[in-house]
PDB file of all heavy atoms in Angstrom:
ATOM      1  N   ARG A   1     -33.983-117.955 -64.386  1.00  0.00           N
ATOM      2  CA  ARG A   1     -32.886-118.563 -65.143  1.00  0.00           C
ATOM      3  C   ARG A   1     -31.708-117.609 -65.330  1.00  0.00           C
ATOM      4  O   ARG A   1     -30.642-118.029 -65.771  1.00  0.00           O
ATOM      5  CB  ARG A   1     -33.387-119.042 -66.507  1.00  0.00           C
ATOM      6  CG  ARG A   1     -34.369-120.200 -66.413  1.00  0.00           C
ATOM      7  CD  ARG A   1     -34.772-120.721 -67.782  1.00  0.00           C
ATOM      8  NE  ARG A   1     -35.594-121.911 -67.633  1.00  0.00           N
ATOM      9  CZ  ARG A   1     -36.924-121.906 -67.477  1.00  0.00           C
ATOM     10  NH1 ARG A   1     -37.577-120.745 -67.462  1.00  0.00           N
ATOM     11  NH2 ARG A   1     -37.594-123.025 -67.328  1.00  0.00           N
ATOM     12  N   GLU A   2     -31.934-116.355 -65.025  1.00  0.00           N
ATOM     13  CA  GLU A   2     -30.852-115.388 -65.222  1.00  0.00           C
ATOM     14  C   GLU A   2     -31.021-114.244 -64.231  1.00  0.00           C
ATOM     15  O   GLU A   2     -32.129-113.945 -63.792  1.00  0.00           O
ATOM     16  CB  GLU A   2     -30.843-114.866 -66.664  1.00  0.00           C
ATOM     17  CG  GLU A   2     -29.586-114.129 -67.029  1.00  0.00           C
ATOM     18  CD  GLU A   2     -29.447-113.909 -68.535  1.00  0.00           C
ATOM     19  OE1 GLU A   2     -30.265-114.460 -69.309  1.00  0.00           O
ATOM     20  OE2 GLU A   2     -28.511-113.196 -68.921  1.00  0.00           O
ATOM     21  N   SER A   3     -29.926-113.605 -63.923  1.00  0.00           N
ATOM     22  CA  SER A   3     -29.857-112.602 -62.874  1.00  0.00           C
ATOM     23  C   SER A   3     -28.998-111.436 -63.352  1.00  0.00           C
ATOM     24  O   SER A   3     -28.432-111.466 -64.449  1.00  0.00           O
ATOM     25  CB  SER A   3     -29.224-113.263 -61.634  1.00  0.00           C
ATOM     26  OG  SER A   3     -28.816-112.329 -60.674  1.00  0.00           O
ATOM     27  N   ARG A   4     -28.916-110.403 -62.529  1.00  0.00           N
ATOM     28  CA  ARG A   4     -27.787-109.494 -62.703  1.00  0.00           C
ATOM     29  C   ARG A   4     -26.521-110.341 -62.581  1.00  0.00           C
ATOM     30  O   ARG A   4     -26.455-111.253 -61.753  1.00  0.00           O
ATOM     31  CB  ARG A   4     -27.781-108.429 -61.618  1.00  0.00           C
ATOM     32  CG  ARG A   4     -28.999-107.504 -61.597  1.00  0.00           C
ATOM     33  CD  ARG A   4     -28.859-106.534 -60.440  1.00  0.00           C
ATOM     34  NE  ARG A   4     -29.981-105.626 -60.299  1.00  0.00           N
ATOM     35  CZ  ARG A   4     -31.053-105.848 -59.537  1.00  0.00           C
ATOM     36  NH1 ARG A   4     -31.161-106.993 -58.866  1.00  0.00           N
ATOM     37  NH2 ARG A   4     -32.028-104.953 -59.451  1.00  0.00           N
ATOM     38  N   ARG A   5     -25.515-110.029 -63.365  1.00  0.00           N
ATOM     39  CA  ARG A   5     -24.298-110.848 -63.358  1.00  0.00           C
ATOM     40  C   ARG A   5     -23.093-109.957 -63.049  1.00  0.00           C
ATOM     41  O   ARG A   5     -22.858-108.949 -63.710  1.00  0.00           O
ATOM     42  CB  ARG A   5     -24.126-111.544 -64.713  1.00  0.00           C
ATOM     43  CG  ARG A   5     -25.194-112.597 -64.975  1.00  0.00           C
ATOM     44  CD  ARG A   5     -25.175-113.108 -66.410  1.00  0.00           C
ATOM     45  NE  ARG A   5     -25.786-112.172 -67.345  1.00  0.00           N
ATOM     46  CZ  ARG A   5     -25.140-111.524 -68.292  1.00  0.00           C
ATOM     47  NH1 ARG A   5     -23.835-111.702 -68.466  1.00  0.00           N
ATOM     48  NH2 ARG A   5     -25.780-110.692 -69.094  1.00  0.00           N
ATOM     49  N   LEU A   6     -22.378-110.343 -62.030  1.00  0.00           N
ATOM     50  CA  LEU A   6     -21.218-109.597 -61.564  1.00  0.00           C
ATOM     51  C   LEU A   6     -20.198-109.355 -62.690  1.00  0.00           C
ATOM     52  O   LEU A   6     -20.001-110.207 -63.551  1.00  0.00           O
ATOM     53  CB  LEU A   6     -20.536-110.386 -60.445  1.00  0.00           C
ATOM     54  CG  LEU A   6     -19.208-109.851 -59.901  1.00  0.00           C
ATOM     55  CD1 LEU A   6     -19.448-108.619 -59.051  1.00  0.00           C
ATOM     56  CD2 LEU A   6     -18.506-110.946 -59.088  1.00  0.00           C
ATOM     57  N   VAL A   7     -19.555-108.203 -62.652  1.00  0.00           N
ATOM     58  CA  VAL A   7     -18.324-107.990 -63.417  1.00  0.00           C
ATOM     59  C   VAL A   7     -17.188-108.420 -62.491  1.00  0.00           C
ATOM     60  O   VAL A   7     -16.835-107.708 -61.546  1.00  0.00           O
ATOM     61  CB  VAL A   7     -18.168-106.528 -63.850  1.00  0.00           C
ATOM     62  CG1 VAL A   7     -16.833-106.340 -64.570  1.00  0.00           C
ATOM     63  CG2 VAL A   7     -19.330-106.112 -64.752  1.00  0.00           C
ATOM     64  N   GLY A   8     -16.654-109.602 -62.717  1.00  0.00           N
ATOM     65  CA  GLY A   8     -15.687-110.183 -61.802  1.00  0.00           C
ATOM     66  C   GLY A   8     -14.272-110.197 -62.335  1.00  0.00           C
ATOM     67  O   GLY A   8     -13.993-109.751 -63.461  1.00  0.00           O
ATOM     68  N   LEU A   9     -13.386-110.738 -61.527  1.00  0.00           N
ATOM     69  CA  LEU A   9     -11.990-110.857 -61.937  1.00  0.00           C
ATOM     70  C   LEU A   9     -11.851-111.737 -63.164  1.00  0.00           C
ATOM     71  O   LEU A   9     -10.943-111.547 -63.981  1.00  0.00           O
ATOM     72  CB  LEU A   9     -11.167-111.446 -60.782  1.00  0.00           C
ATOM     73  CG  LEU A   9     -11.077-110.605 -59.511  1.00  0.00           C
ATOM     74  CD1 LEU A   9     -10.278-111.363 -58.449  1.00  0.00           C
ATOM     75  CD2 LEU A   9     -10.434-109.253 -59.797  1.00  0.00           C
ATOM     76  N   THR A  10     -12.732-112.722 -63.289  1.00  0.00           N
ATOM     77  CA  THR A  10     -12.759-113.624 -64.436  1.00  0.00           C
ATOM     78  C   THR A  10     -14.199-113.738 -64.901  1.00  0.00           C
ATOM     79  O   THR A  10     -15.119-113.673 -64.080  1.00  0.00           O
ATOM     80  CB  THR A  10     -12.239-115.025 -64.050  1.00  0.00           C
ATOM     81  OG1 THR A  10     -10.944-114.901 -63.482  1.00  0.00           O
ATOM     82  CG2 THR A  10     -12.192-115.957 -65.244  1.00  0.00           C
ATOM     83  N   THR A  11     -14.406-113.903 -66.191  1.00  0.00           N
ATOM     84  CA  THR A  11     -15.754-114.096 -66.728  1.00  0.00           C
ATOM     85  C   THR A  11     -15.803-115.403 -67.506  1.00  0.00           C
ATOM     86  O   THR A  11     -14.950-115.662 -68.361  1.00  0.00           O
ATOM     87  CB  THR A  11     -16.155-112.929 -67.651  1.00  0.00           C
ATOM     88  OG1 THR A  11     -16.164-111.708 -66.897  1.00  0.00           O
ATOM     89  CG2 THR A  11     -17.540-113.154 -68.240  1.00  0.00           C
ATOM     90  N   VAL A  12     -16.797-116.219 -67.190  1.00  0.00           N
ATOM     91  CA  VAL A  12     -16.999-117.465 -67.921  1.00  0.00           C
ATOM     92  C   VAL A  12     -17.695-117.141 -69.235  1.00  0.00           C
ATOM     93  O   VAL A  12     -18.775-116.554 -69.256  1.00  0.00           O
ATOM     94  CB  VAL A  12     -17.849-118.463 -67.107  1.00  0.00           C
ATOM     95  CG1 VAL A  12     -18.061-119.742 -67.900  1.00  0.00           C
ATOM     96  CG2 VAL A  12     -17.184-118.770 -65.772  1.00  0.00           C
ATOM     97  N   ARG A  13     -17.059-117.530 -70.346  1.00  0.00           N
ATOM     98  CA  ARG A  13     -17.599-117.283 -71.683  1.00  0.00           C
ATOM     99  C   ARG A  13     -18.039-118.603 -72.304  1.00  0.00           C
ATOM    100  O   ARG A  13     -17.747-119.687 -71.791  1.00  0.00           O
ATOM    101  CB  ARG A  13     -16.538-116.627 -72.567  1.00  0.00           C
ATOM    102  CG  ARG A  13     -15.813-115.430 -71.945  1.00  0.00           C
ATOM    103  CD  ARG A  13     -14.470-115.244 -72.626  1.00  0.00           C
ATOM    104  NE  ARG A  13     -13.668-116.459 -72.528  1.00  0.00           N
ATOM    105  CZ  ARG A  13     -12.625-116.745 -73.294  1.00  0.00           C
ATOM    106  NH1 ARG A  13     -12.236-115.890 -74.231  1.00  0.00           N
ATOM    107  NH2 ARG A  13     -11.955-117.873 -73.137  1.00  0.00           N
ATOM    108  N   GLU A  14     -18.691-118.500 -73.447  1.00  0.00           N
ATOM    109  CA  GLU A  14     -19.141-119.722 -74.120  1.00  0.00           C
ATOM    110  C   GLU A  14     -17.971-120.639 -74.448  1.00  0.00           C
ATOM    111  O   GLU A  14     -18.074-121.859 -74.318  1.00  0.00           O
ATOM    112  CB  GLU A  14     -19.912-119.364 -75.400  1.00  0.00           C
ATOM    113  CG  GLU A  14     -20.516-120.591 -76.080  1.00  0.00           C
ATOM    114  CD  GLU A  14     -21.246-120.260 -77.363  1.00  0.00           C
ATOM    115  OE1 GLU A  14     -20.968-119.189 -77.963  1.00  0.00           O
ATOM    116  OE2 GLU A  14     -22.088-121.074 -77.788  1.00  0.00           O
ATOM    117  N   GLN A  15     -16.841-120.069 -74.860  1.00  0.00           N
ATOM    118  CA  GLN A  15     -15.681-120.904 -75.195  1.00  0.00           C
ATOM    119  C   GLN A  15     -15.217-121.736 -74.002  1.00  0.00           C
ATOM    120  O   GLN A  15     -14.611-122.797 -74.179  1.00  0.00           O
ATOM    121  CB  GLN A  15     -14.509-120.023 -75.661  1.00  0.00           C
ATOM    122  CG  GLN A  15     -14.792-119.195 -76.898  1.00  0.00           C
ATOM    123  CD  GLN A  15     -15.265-117.801 -76.552  1.00  0.00           C
ATOM    124  OE1 GLN A  15     -16.153-117.646 -75.722  1.00  0.00           O
ATOM    125  NE2 GLN A  15     -14.673-116.783 -77.188  1.00  0.00           N
ATOM    126  N   ASP A  16     -15.498-121.274 -72.798  1.00  0.00           N
ATOM    127  CA  ASP A  16     -15.031-121.954 -71.596  1.00  0.00           C
ATOM    128  C   ASP A  16     -15.880-123.152 -71.221  1.00  0.00           C
ATOM    129  O   ASP A  16     -15.492-123.925 -70.338  1.00  0.00           O
ATOM    130  CB  ASP A  16     -14.993-120.973 -70.421  1.00  0.00           C
ATOM    131  CG  ASP A  16     -14.111-119.777 -70.702  1.00  0.00           C
ATOM    132  OD1 ASP A  16     -13.011-119.967 -71.253  1.00  0.00           O
ATOM    133  OD2 ASP A  16     -14.530-118.639 -70.385  1.00  0.00           O
ATOM    134  N   ILE A  17     -17.040-123.304 -71.865  1.00  0.00           N
ATOM    135  CA  ILE A  17     -17.917-124.434 -71.546  1.00  0.00           C
ATOM    136  C   ILE A  17     -18.036-125.414 -72.716  1.00  0.00           C
ATOM    137  O   ILE A  17     -18.685-126.460 -72.572  1.00  0.00           O
ATOM    138  CB  ILE A  17     -19.319-123.960 -71.126  1.00  0.00           C
ATOM    139  CG1 ILE A  17     -20.015-123.230 -72.280  1.00  0.00           C
ATOM    140  CG2 ILE A  17     -19.233-123.073 -69.882  1.00  0.00           C
ATOM    141  CD1 ILE A  17     -21.462-122.889 -72.016  1.00  0.00           C
ATOM    142  N   LEU A  18     -17.421-125.103 -73.852  1.00  0.00           N
ATOM    143  CA  LEU A  18     -17.487-125.967 -75.031  1.00  0.00           C
ATOM    144  C   LEU A  18     -16.348-126.984 -75.010  1.00  0.00           C
ATOM    145  O   LEU A  18     -15.290-126.734 -74.432  1.00  0.00           O
ATOM    146  CB  LEU A  18     -17.406-125.136 -76.307  1.00  0.00           C
ATOM    147  CG  LEU A  18     -18.553-124.167 -76.557  1.00  0.00           C
ATOM    148  CD1 LEU A  18     -18.291-123.343 -77.817  1.00  0.00           C
ATOM    149  CD2 LEU A  18     -19.878-124.909 -76.673  1.00  0.00           C
ATOM    150  N   PRO A  19     -16.532-128.140 -75.645  1.00  0.00           N
ATOM    151  CA  PRO A  19     -15.473-129.157 -75.641  1.00  0.00           C
ATOM    152  C   PRO A  19     -14.245-128.711 -76.423  1.00  0.00           C
ATOM    153  O   PRO A  19     -14.342-127.994 -77.423  1.00  0.00           O
ATOM    154  CB  PRO A  19     -16.149-130.365 -76.304  1.00  0.00           C
ATOM    155  CG  PRO A  19     -17.248-129.792 -77.138  1.00  0.00           C
ATOM    156  CD  PRO A  19     -17.739-128.589 -76.386  1.00  0.00           C
ATOM    157  N   VAL A  20     -13.075-129.147 -75.948  1.00  0.00           N
ATOM    158  CA  VAL A  20     -11.842-128.895 -76.685  1.00  0.00           C
ATOM    159  C   VAL A  20     -11.887-129.679 -77.994  1.00  0.00           C
ATOM    160  O   VAL A  20     -12.646-130.642 -78.139  1.00  0.00           O
ATOM    161  CB  VAL A  20     -10.609-129.294 -75.852  1.00  0.00           C
ATOM    162  CG1 VAL A  20     -10.523-128.460 -74.591  1.00  0.00           C
ATOM    163  CG2 VAL A  20     -10.646-130.785 -75.508  1.00  0.00           C
ATOM    164  N   ALA A  21     -11.095-129.287 -78.945  1.00  0.00           N
ATOM    165  CA  ALA A  21     -11.101-129.936 -80.259  1.00  0.00           C
ATOM    166  C   ALA A  21     -10.840-131.433 -80.122  1.00  0.00           C
ATOM    167  O   ALA A  21      -9.842-131.851 -79.529  1.00  0.00           O
ATOM    168  CB  ALA A  21     -10.049-129.299 -81.163  1.00  0.00           C
ATOM    169  N   GLY A  22     -11.763-132.226 -80.646  1.00  0.00           N
ATOM    170  CA  GLY A  22     -11.605-133.677 -80.610  1.00  0.00           C
ATOM    171  C   GLY A  22     -11.832-134.295 -79.244  1.00  0.00           C
ATOM    172  O   GLY A  22     -11.585-135.499 -79.060  1.00  0.00           O
ATOM    173  N   GLY A  23     -12.320-133.518 -78.280  1.00  0.00           N
ATOM    174  CA  GLY A  23     -12.465-134.025 -76.921  1.00  0.00           C
ATOM    175  C   GLY A  23     -13.896-134.024 -76.432  1.00  0.00           C
ATOM    176  O   GLY A  23     -14.838-133.696 -77.158  1.00  0.00           O
ATOM    177  N   ARG A  24     -14.040-134.384 -75.155  1.00  0.00           N
ATOM    178  CA  ARG A  24     -15.353-134.446 -74.520  1.00  0.00           C
ATOM    179  C   ARG A  24     -15.433-133.569 -73.275  1.00  0.00           C
ATOM    180  O   ARG A  24     -16.412-133.644 -72.533  1.00  0.00           O
ATOM    181  CB  ARG A  24     -15.687-135.894 -74.121  1.00  0.00           C
ATOM    182  CG  ARG A  24     -15.695-136.898 -75.260  1.00  0.00           C
ATOM    183  CD  ARG A  24     -16.244-138.234 -74.796  1.00  0.00           C
ATOM    184  NE  ARG A  24     -15.472-138.761 -73.661  1.00  0.00           N
ATOM    185  CZ  ARG A  24     -15.817-139.861 -72.976  1.00  0.00           C
ATOM    186  NH1 ARG A  24     -16.908-140.530 -73.310  1.00  0.00           N
ATOM    187  NH2 ARG A  24     -15.069-140.285 -71.973  1.00  0.00           N
ATOM    188  N   VAL A  25     -14.411-132.756 -73.029  1.00  0.00           N
ATOM    189  CA  VAL A  25     -14.393-131.863 -71.871  1.00  0.00           C
ATOM    190  C   VAL A  25     -14.018-130.462 -72.313  1.00  0.00           C
ATOM    191  O   VAL A  25     -13.358-130.273 -73.340  1.00  0.00           O
ATOM    192  CB  VAL A  25     -13.391-132.359 -70.805  1.00  0.00           C
ATOM    193  CG1 VAL A  25     -13.816-133.699 -70.226  1.00  0.00           C
ATOM    194  CG2 VAL A  25     -11.978-132.443 -71.382  1.00  0.00           C
TER     195      VAL A  25
END
């Protein structure tokens, strides 16, 4: 379920997968 994870140009954080305020995406 988890691996070594690259230090990349961009990092996906929890905020990036949560819905926008009042939204569904």
